[in-house]
Amino acid sequence: MVEVRYFAAIADAVGKPGELLDLPAGSTIADLCASITATYGPKLEPMLAVCAYLIGDELTRDSTTLLPARVDVLPPFAGG
C-alpha cells in the first residue's frame, strides 16, 4: 500500500486530498501515474506530467523513482 497525498489542482481534479493505493512493491512514479489515470481518466495525464513528487525530503519528477510508503503529488504552484 502507498499513501498518496494530493495538493492544489490535483486534489481538486481527483476530488480528495489523498488515498491509499494498492501498488506492488517495486512500483515507480510511472506506475503511480498509470494507476491514477486508470482510476480518474486520461484528462489527468497532462497534469500528472508536470507534477513534482515529494518522496521523503526529496522532490523529483523522475518517473523511474521507486515509491516509498507515502508520496505527495504536487502540481505547479503560482503565487506571489
PDB file of N, CA and C in Angstrom:
ATOM      1  N   MET A   1       0.831  -1.186   0.000  1.00  0.00           N
ATOM      2  CA  MET A   1       0.000   0.000   0.000  1.00  0.00           C
ATOM      3  C   MET A   1       0.876   1.250   0.000  1.00  0.00           C
ATOM      4  N   VAL A   2       0.446   2.221  -0.756  1.00  0.00           N
ATOM      5  CA  VAL A   2       1.130   3.501  -0.827  1.00  0.00           C
ATOM      6  C   VAL A   2       0.124   4.590  -0.459  1.00  0.00           C
ATOM      7  N   GLU A   3       0.484   5.431   0.497  1.00  0.00           N
ATOM      8  CA  GLU A   3      -0.344   6.576   0.836  1.00  0.00           C
ATOM      9  C   GLU A   3       0.002   7.691  -0.134  1.00  0.00           C
ATOM     10  N   VAL A   4      -0.998   8.166  -0.849  1.00  0.00           N
ATOM     11  CA  VAL A   4      -0.808   9.239  -1.824  1.00  0.00           C
ATOM     12  C   VAL A   4      -1.560  10.462  -1.314  1.00  0.00           C
ATOM     13  N   ARG A   5      -0.850  11.570  -1.192  1.00  0.00           N
ATOM     14  CA  ARG A   5      -1.484  12.824  -0.791  1.00  0.00           C
ATOM     15  C   ARG A   5      -1.463  13.771  -1.991  1.00  0.00           C
ATOM     16  N   TYR A   6      -2.631  14.345  -2.290  1.00  0.00           N
ATOM     17  CA  TYR A   6      -2.781  15.252  -3.415  1.00  0.00           C
ATOM     18  C   TYR A   6      -2.891  16.685  -2.896  1.00  0.00           C
ATOM     19  N   PHE A   7      -2.355  17.623  -3.670  1.00  0.00           N
ATOM     20  CA  PHE A   7      -2.393  19.023  -3.287  1.00  0.00           C
ATOM     21  C   PHE A   7      -2.892  19.885  -4.435  1.00  0.00           C
ATOM     22  N   ALA A   8      -3.495  21.010  -4.076  1.00  0.00           N
ATOM     23  CA  ALA A   8      -3.908  22.060  -5.009  1.00  0.00           C
ATOM     24  C   ALA A   8      -4.770  21.499  -6.147  1.00  0.00           C
ATOM     25  N   ALA A   9      -4.423  21.810  -7.375  1.00  0.00           N
ATOM     26  CA  ALA A   9      -5.252  21.453  -8.533  1.00  0.00           C
ATOM     27  C   ALA A   9      -5.424  19.951  -8.702  1.00  0.00           C
ATOM     28  N   ILE A  10      -4.431  19.172  -8.348  1.00  0.00           N
ATOM     29  CA  ILE A  10      -4.570  17.719  -8.499  1.00  0.00           C
ATOM     30  C   ILE A  10      -5.576  17.179  -7.482  1.00  0.00           C
ATOM     31  N   ALA A  11      -5.602  17.747  -6.272  1.00  0.00           N
ATOM     32  CA  ALA A  11      -6.605  17.350  -5.279  1.00  0.00           C
ATOM     33  C   ALA A  11      -8.004  17.695  -5.780  1.00  0.00           C
ATOM     34  N   ASP A  12      -8.129  18.861  -6.390  1.00  0.00           N
ATOM     35  CA  ASP A  12      -9.416  19.255  -6.960  1.00  0.00           C
ATOM     36  C   ASP A  12      -9.827  18.305  -8.082  1.00  0.00           C
ATOM     37  N   ALA A  13      -8.880  17.917  -8.913  1.00  0.00           N
ATOM     38  CA  ALA A  13      -9.175  17.059 -10.068  1.00  0.00           C
ATOM     39  C   ALA A  13      -9.626  15.655  -9.654  1.00  0.00           C
ATOM     40  N   VAL A  14      -9.029  15.118  -8.589  1.00  0.00           N
ATOM     41  CA  VAL A  14      -9.425  13.774  -8.144  1.00  0.00           C
ATOM     42  C   VAL A  14     -10.539  13.824  -7.100  1.00  0.00           C
ATOM     43  N   GLY A  15     -10.793  15.017  -6.553  1.00  0.00           N
ATOM     44  CA  GLY A  15     -11.893  15.180  -5.624  1.00  0.00           C
ATOM     45  C   GLY A  15     -11.621  14.758  -4.193  1.00  0.00           C
ATOM     46  N   LYS A  16     -10.347  14.662  -3.830  1.00  0.00           N
ATOM     47  CA  LYS A  16     -10.000  14.289  -2.456  1.00  0.00           C
ATOM     48  C   LYS A  16      -8.555  14.649  -2.166  1.00  0.00           C
ATOM     49  N   PRO A  17      -8.215  14.775  -0.889  1.00  0.00           N
ATOM     50  CA  PRO A  17      -6.844  15.157  -0.530  1.00  0.00           C
ATOM     51  C   PRO A  17      -5.858  13.998  -0.513  1.00  0.00           C
ATOM     52  N   GLY A  18      -6.353  12.788  -0.590  1.00  0.00           N
ATOM     53  CA  GLY A  18      -5.434  11.657  -0.575  1.00  0.00           C
ATOM     54  C   GLY A  18      -6.175  10.332  -0.575  1.00  0.00           C
ATOM     55  N   GLU A  19      -5.383   9.268  -0.686  1.00  0.00           N
ATOM     56  CA  GLU A  19      -5.953   7.927  -0.683  1.00  0.00           C
ATOM     57  C   GLU A  19      -4.832   6.904  -0.530  1.00  0.00           C
ATOM     58  N   LEU A  20      -5.222   5.682  -0.232  1.00  0.00           N
ATOM     59  CA  LEU A  20      -4.282   4.562  -0.199  1.00  0.00           C
ATOM     60  C   LEU A  20      -4.449   3.779  -1.487  1.00  0.00           C
ATOM     61  N   LEU A  21      -3.343   3.527  -2.161  1.00  0.00           N
ATOM     62  CA  LEU A  21      -3.377   2.749  -3.395  1.00  0.00           C
ATOM     63  C   LEU A  21      -2.644   1.431  -3.177  1.00  0.00           C
ATOM     64  N   ASP A  22      -3.225   0.377  -3.689  1.00  0.00           N
ATOM     65  CA  ASP A  22      -2.630  -0.946  -3.567  1.00  0.00           C
ATOM     66  C   ASP A  22      -1.697  -1.177  -4.756  1.00  0.00           C
ATOM     67  N   LEU A  23      -0.475  -0.670  -4.624  1.00  0.00           N
ATOM     68  CA  LEU A  23       0.537  -0.834  -5.668  1.00  0.00           C
ATOM     69  C   LEU A  23       1.574  -1.838  -5.171  1.00  0.00           C
ATOM     70  N   PRO A  24       2.053  -2.713  -6.039  1.00  0.00           N
ATOM     71  CA  PRO A  24       3.014  -3.725  -5.602  1.00  0.00           C
ATOM     72  C   PRO A  24       4.380  -3.130  -5.265  1.00  0.00           C
ATOM     73  N   ALA A  25       5.121  -3.857  -4.448  1.00  0.00           N
ATOM     74  CA  ALA A  25       6.497  -3.458  -4.126  1.00  0.00           C
ATOM     75  C   ALA A  25       7.270  -3.280  -5.423  1.00  0.00           C
ATOM     76  N   GLY A  26       8.122  -2.295  -5.451  1.00  0.00           N
ATOM     77  CA  GLY A  26       8.908  -2.022  -6.645  1.00  0.00           C
ATOM     78  C   GLY A  26       8.223  -1.099  -7.639  1.00  0.00           C
ATOM     79  N   SER A  27       7.037  -0.582  -7.271  1.00  0.00           N
ATOM     80  CA  SER A  27       6.333   0.340  -8.164  1.00  0.00           C
ATOM     81  C   SER A  27       7.067   1.679  -8.220  1.00  0.00           C
ATOM     82  N   THR A  28       6.899   2.355  -9.340  1.00  0.00           N
ATOM     83  CA  THR A  28       7.559   3.631  -9.589  1.00  0.00           C
ATOM     84  C   THR A  28       6.532   4.753  -9.714  1.00  0.00           C
ATOM     85  N   ILE A  29       7.034   5.959  -9.849  1.00  0.00           N
ATOM     86  CA  ILE A  29       6.149   7.096 -10.096  1.00  0.00           C
ATOM     87  C   ILE A  29       5.352   6.874 -11.382  1.00  0.00           C
ATOM     88  N   ALA A  30       5.955   6.286 -12.388  1.00  0.00           N
ATOM     89  CA  ALA A  30       5.223   5.990 -13.627  1.00  0.00           C
ATOM     90  C   ALA A  30       4.052   5.049 -13.349  1.00  0.00           C
ATOM     91  N   ASP A  31       4.256   4.050 -12.499  1.00  0.00           N
ATOM     92  CA  ASP A  31       3.174   3.133 -12.133  1.00  0.00           C
ATOM     93  C   ASP A  31       2.070   3.871 -11.379  1.00  0.00           C
ATOM     94  N   LEU A  32       2.468   4.766 -10.492  1.00  0.00           N
ATOM     95  CA  LEU A  32       1.504   5.578  -9.746  1.00  0.00           C
ATOM     96  C   LEU A  32       0.664   6.402 -10.714  1.00  0.00           C
ATOM     97  N   CYS A  33       1.311   7.066 -11.645  1.00  0.00           N
ATOM     98  CA  CYS A  33       0.591   7.899 -12.625  1.00  0.00           C
ATOM     99  C   CYS A  33      -0.360   7.058 -13.464  1.00  0.00           C
ATOM    100  N   ALA A  34       0.066   5.869 -13.856  1.00  0.00           N
ATOM    101  CA  ALA A  34      -0.792   4.978 -14.637  1.00  0.00           C
ATOM    102  C   ALA A  34      -2.021   4.569 -13.826  1.00  0.00           C
ATOM    103  N   SER A  35      -1.834   4.305 -12.544  1.00  0.00           N
ATOM    104  CA  SER A  35      -2.945   3.925 -11.678  1.00  0.00           C
ATOM    105  C   SER A  35      -3.928   5.078 -11.502  1.00  0.00           C
ATOM    106  N   ILE A  36      -3.399   6.276 -11.280  1.00  0.00           N
ATOM    107  CA  ILE A  36      -4.257   7.454 -11.113  1.00  0.00           C
ATOM    108  C   ILE A  36      -5.036   7.721 -12.398  1.00  0.00           C
ATOM    109  N   THR A  37      -4.370   7.636 -13.529  1.00  0.00           N
ATOM    110  CA  THR A  37      -5.023   7.868 -14.821  1.00  0.00           C
ATOM    111  C   THR A  37      -6.097   6.814 -15.090  1.00  0.00           C
ATOM    112  N   ALA A  38      -5.808   5.562 -14.743  1.00  0.00           N
ATOM    113  CA  ALA A  38      -6.790   4.492 -14.944  1.00  0.00           C
ATOM    114  C   ALA A  38      -8.035   4.723 -14.083  1.00  0.00           C
ATOM    115  N   THR A  39      -7.829   5.264 -12.898  1.00  0.00           N
ATOM    116  CA  THR A  39      -8.944   5.493 -11.981  1.00  0.00           C
ATOM    117  C   THR A  39      -9.738   6.747 -12.321  1.00  0.00           C
ATOM    118  N   TYR A  40      -9.052   7.835 -12.622  1.00  0.00           N
ATOM    119  CA  TYR A  40      -9.712   9.131 -12.770  1.00  0.00           C
ATOM    120  C   TYR A  40      -9.814   9.627 -14.208  1.00  0.00           C
ATOM    121  N   GLY A  41      -9.225   8.914 -15.140  1.00  0.00           N
ATOM    122  CA  GLY A  41      -9.383   9.261 -16.541  1.00  0.00           C
ATOM    123  C   GLY A  41      -8.180   9.954 -17.156  1.00  0.00           C
ATOM    124  N   PRO A  42      -8.099   9.888 -18.482  1.00  0.00           N
ATOM    125  CA  PRO A  42      -6.951  10.427 -19.215  1.00  0.00           C
ATOM    126  C   PRO A  42      -6.812  11.937 -19.124  1.00  0.00           C
ATOM    127  N   LYS A  43      -7.852  12.635 -18.660  1.00  0.00           N
ATOM    128  CA  LYS A  43      -7.746  14.099 -18.512  1.00  0.00           C
ATOM    129  C   LYS A  43      -6.644  14.479 -17.522  1.00  0.00           C
ATOM    130  N   LEU A  44      -6.253  13.538 -16.654  1.00  0.00           N
ATOM    131  CA  LEU A  44      -5.218  13.830 -15.666  1.00  0.00           C
ATOM    132  C   LEU A  44      -3.800  13.657 -16.208  1.00  0.00           C
ATOM    133  N   GLU A  45      -3.644  12.984 -17.329  1.00  0.00           N
ATOM    134  CA  GLU A  45      -2.294  12.746 -17.866  1.00  0.00           C
ATOM    135  C   GLU A  45      -1.472  14.022 -18.021  1.00  0.00           C
ATOM    136  N   PRO A  46      -2.001  15.077 -18.655  1.00  0.00           N
ATOM    137  CA  PRO A  46      -1.188  16.295 -18.795  1.00  0.00           C
ATOM    138  C   PRO A  46      -0.821  16.913 -17.448  1.00  0.00           C
ATOM    139  N   MET A  47      -1.731  16.860 -16.497  1.00  0.00           N
ATOM    140  CA  MET A  47      -1.459  17.424 -15.180  1.00  0.00           C
ATOM    141  C   MET A  47      -0.381  16.621 -14.457  1.00  0.00           C
ATOM    142  N   LEU A  48      -0.496  15.301 -14.484  1.00  0.00           N
ATOM    143  CA  LEU A  48       0.491  14.448 -13.815  1.00  0.00           C
ATOM    144  C   LEU A  48       1.873  14.596 -14.445  1.00  0.00           C
ATOM    145  N   ALA A  49       1.909  14.893 -15.735  1.00  0.00           N
ATOM    146  CA  ALA A  49       3.191  15.040 -16.436  1.00  0.00           C
ATOM    147  C   ALA A  49       3.989  16.241 -15.940  1.00  0.00           C
ATOM    148  N   VAL A  50       3.322  17.242 -15.386  1.00  0.00           N
ATOM    149  CA  VAL A  50       4.029  18.429 -14.909  1.00  0.00           C
ATOM    150  C   VAL A  50       4.127  18.490 -13.383  1.00  0.00           C
ATOM    151  N   CYS A  51       3.565  17.484 -12.721  1.00  0.00           N
ATOM    152  CA  CYS A  51       3.634  17.443 -11.257  1.00  0.00           C
ATOM    153  C   CYS A  51       5.035  17.076 -10.791  1.00  0.00           C
ATOM    154  N   ALA A  52       5.327  17.497  -9.573  1.00  0.00           N
ATOM    155  CA  ALA A  52       6.517  17.030  -8.863  1.00  0.00           C
ATOM    156  C   ALA A  52       6.021  16.060  -7.792  1.00  0.00           C
ATOM    157  N   TYR A  53       6.910  15.187  -7.370  1.00  0.00           N
ATOM    158  CA  TYR A  53       6.556  14.151  -6.409  1.00  0.00           C
ATOM    159  C   TYR A  53       7.516  14.243  -5.238  1.00  0.00           C
ATOM    160  N   LEU A  54       6.938  14.452  -4.054  1.00  0.00           N
ATOM    161  CA  LEU A  54       7.746  14.559  -2.845  1.00  0.00           C
ATOM    162  C   LEU A  54       7.837  13.190  -2.193  1.00  0.00           C
ATOM    163  N   ILE A  55       9.065  12.705  -2.121  1.00  0.00           N
ATOM    164  CA  ILE A  55       9.350  11.404  -1.531  1.00  0.00           C
ATOM    165  C   ILE A  55      10.334  11.650  -0.400  1.00  0.00           C
ATOM    166  N   GLY A  56       9.839  11.499   0.828  1.00  0.00           N
ATOM    167  CA  GLY A  56      10.668  11.865   1.967  1.00  0.00           C
ATOM    168  C   GLY A  56      10.916  13.359   1.928  1.00  0.00           C
ATOM    169  N   ASP A  57      12.183  13.742   1.896  1.00  0.00           N
ATOM    170  CA  ASP A  57      12.551  15.155   1.803  1.00  0.00           C
ATOM    171  C   ASP A  57      12.991  15.554   0.401  1.00  0.00           C
ATOM    172  N   GLU A  58      12.842  14.643  -0.558  1.00  0.00           N
ATOM    173  CA  GLU A  58      13.334  14.874  -1.917  1.00  0.00           C
ATOM    174  C   GLU A  58      12.182  15.101  -2.890  1.00  0.00           C
ATOM    175  N   LEU A  59      12.307  16.146  -3.677  1.00  0.00           N
ATOM    176  CA  LEU A  59      11.350  16.458  -4.722  1.00  0.00           C
ATOM    177  C   LEU A  59      11.896  15.921  -6.034  1.00  0.00           C
ATOM    178  N   THR A  60      11.069  15.171  -6.779  1.00  0.00           N
ATOM    179  CA  THR A  60      11.537  14.593  -8.031  1.00  0.00           C
ATOM    180  C   THR A  60      10.444  14.639  -9.097  1.00  0.00           C
ATOM    181  N   ARG A  61      10.885  14.569 -10.331  1.00  0.00           N
ATOM    182  CA  ARG A  61      10.000  14.397 -11.479  1.00  0.00           C
ATOM    183  C   ARG A  61      10.430  13.158 -12.282  1.00  0.00           C
ATOM    184  N   ASP A  62      11.356  12.399 -11.736  1.00  0.00           N
ATOM    185  CA  ASP A  62      11.893  11.200 -12.393  1.00  0.00           C
ATOM    186  C   ASP A  62      10.881  10.060 -12.274  1.00  0.00           C
ATOM    187  N   SER A  63      10.292   9.672 -13.390  1.00  0.00           N
ATOM    188  CA  SER A  63       9.235   8.658 -13.383  1.00  0.00           C
ATOM    189  C   SER A  63       9.734   7.265 -13.010  1.00  0.00           C
ATOM    190  N   THR A  64      11.039   7.069 -12.974  1.00  0.00           N
ATOM    191  CA  THR A  64      11.581   5.754 -12.610  1.00  0.00           C
ATOM    192  C   THR A  64      11.872   5.631 -11.113  1.00  0.00           C
ATOM    193  N   THR A  65      11.605   6.689 -10.349  1.00  0.00           N
ATOM    194  CA  THR A  65      11.839   6.676  -8.912  1.00  0.00           C
ATOM    195  C   THR A  65      10.905   5.671  -8.240  1.00  0.00           C
ATOM    196  N   LEU A  66      11.467   4.836  -7.380  1.00  0.00           N
ATOM    197  CA  LEU A  66      10.670   3.858  -6.639  1.00  0.00           C
ATOM    198  C   LEU A  66       9.826   4.569  -5.586  1.00  0.00           C
ATOM    199  N   LEU A  67       8.615   4.051  -5.390  1.00  0.00           N
ATOM    200  CA  LEU A  67       7.708   4.649  -4.422  1.00  0.00           C
ATOM    201  C   LEU A  67       7.972   4.113  -3.025  1.00  0.00           C
ATOM    202  N   PRO A  68       7.970   4.993  -2.044  1.00  0.00           N
ATOM    203  CA  PRO A  68       8.031   4.567  -0.646  1.00  0.00           C
ATOM    204  C   PRO A  68       6.603   4.343  -0.138  1.00  0.00           C
ATOM    205  N   ALA A  69       6.422   4.339   1.170  1.00  0.00           N
ATOM    206  CA  ALA A  69       5.099   4.144   1.758  1.00  0.00           C
ATOM    207  C   ALA A  69       4.197   5.365   1.577  1.00  0.00           C
ATOM    208  N   ARG A  70       4.792   6.556   1.351  1.00  0.00           N
ATOM    209  CA  ARG A  70       3.990   7.769   1.160  1.00  0.00           C
ATOM    210  C   ARG A  70       4.624   8.663   0.115  1.00  0.00           C
ATOM    211  N   VAL A  71       3.781   9.236  -0.734  1.00  0.00           N
ATOM    212  CA  VAL A  71       4.244  10.177  -1.749  1.00  0.00           C
ATOM    213  C   VAL A  71       3.242  11.325  -1.844  1.00  0.00           C
ATOM    214  N   ASP A  72       3.754  12.529  -1.997  1.00  0.00           N
ATOM    215  CA  ASP A  72       2.906  13.711  -2.201  1.00  0.00           C
ATOM    216  C   ASP A  72       2.974  14.109  -3.663  1.00  0.00           C
ATOM    217  N   VAL A  73       1.815  14.354  -4.248  1.00  0.00           N
ATOM    218  CA  VAL A  73       1.714  14.753  -5.649  1.00  0.00           C
ATOM    219  C   VAL A  73       1.463  16.263  -5.675  1.00  0.00           C
ATOM    220  N   LEU A  74       2.417  16.991  -6.241  1.00  0.00           N
ATOM    221  CA  LEU A  74       2.393  18.454  -6.186  1.00  0.00           C
ATOM    222  C   LEU A  74       2.361  19.049  -7.586  1.00  0.00           C
ATOM    223  N   PRO A  75       1.233  19.649  -7.969  1.00  0.00           N
ATOM    224  CA  PRO A  75       1.186  20.335  -9.258  1.00  0.00           C
ATOM    225  C   PRO A  75       1.991  21.630  -9.175  1.00  0.00           C
ATOM    226  N   PRO A  76       2.288  22.242 -10.313  1.00  0.00           N
ATOM    227  CA  PRO A  76       2.978  23.534 -10.271  1.00  0.00           C
ATOM    228  C   PRO A  76       2.129  24.543  -9.496  1.00  0.00           C
ATOM    229  N   PHE A  77       2.795  25.338  -8.693  1.00  0.00           N
ATOM    230  CA  PHE A  77       2.117  26.364  -7.904  1.00  0.00           C
ATOM    231  C   PHE A  77       2.455  27.721  -8.476  1.00  0.00           C
ATOM    232  N   ALA A  78       1.482  28.615  -8.423  1.00  0.00           N
ATOM    233  CA  ALA A  78       1.739  30.006  -8.789  1.00  0.00           C
ATOM    234  C   ALA A  78       1.464  30.835  -7.547  1.00  0.00           C
ATOM    235  N   GLY A  79       2.164  31.880  -7.416  1.00  0.00           N
ATOM    236  CA  GLY A  79       1.926  32.710  -6.253  1.00  0.00           C
ATOM    237  C   GLY A  79       2.812  33.929  -6.258  1.00  0.00           C
ATOM    238  N   GLY A  80       2.593  34.748  -5.301  1.00  0.00           N
ATOM    239  CA  GLY A  80       3.366  35.966  -5.275  1.00  0.00           C
ATOM    240  C   GLY A  80       3.734  36.374  -3.888  1.00  0.00           C
TER     241      GLY A  80
END
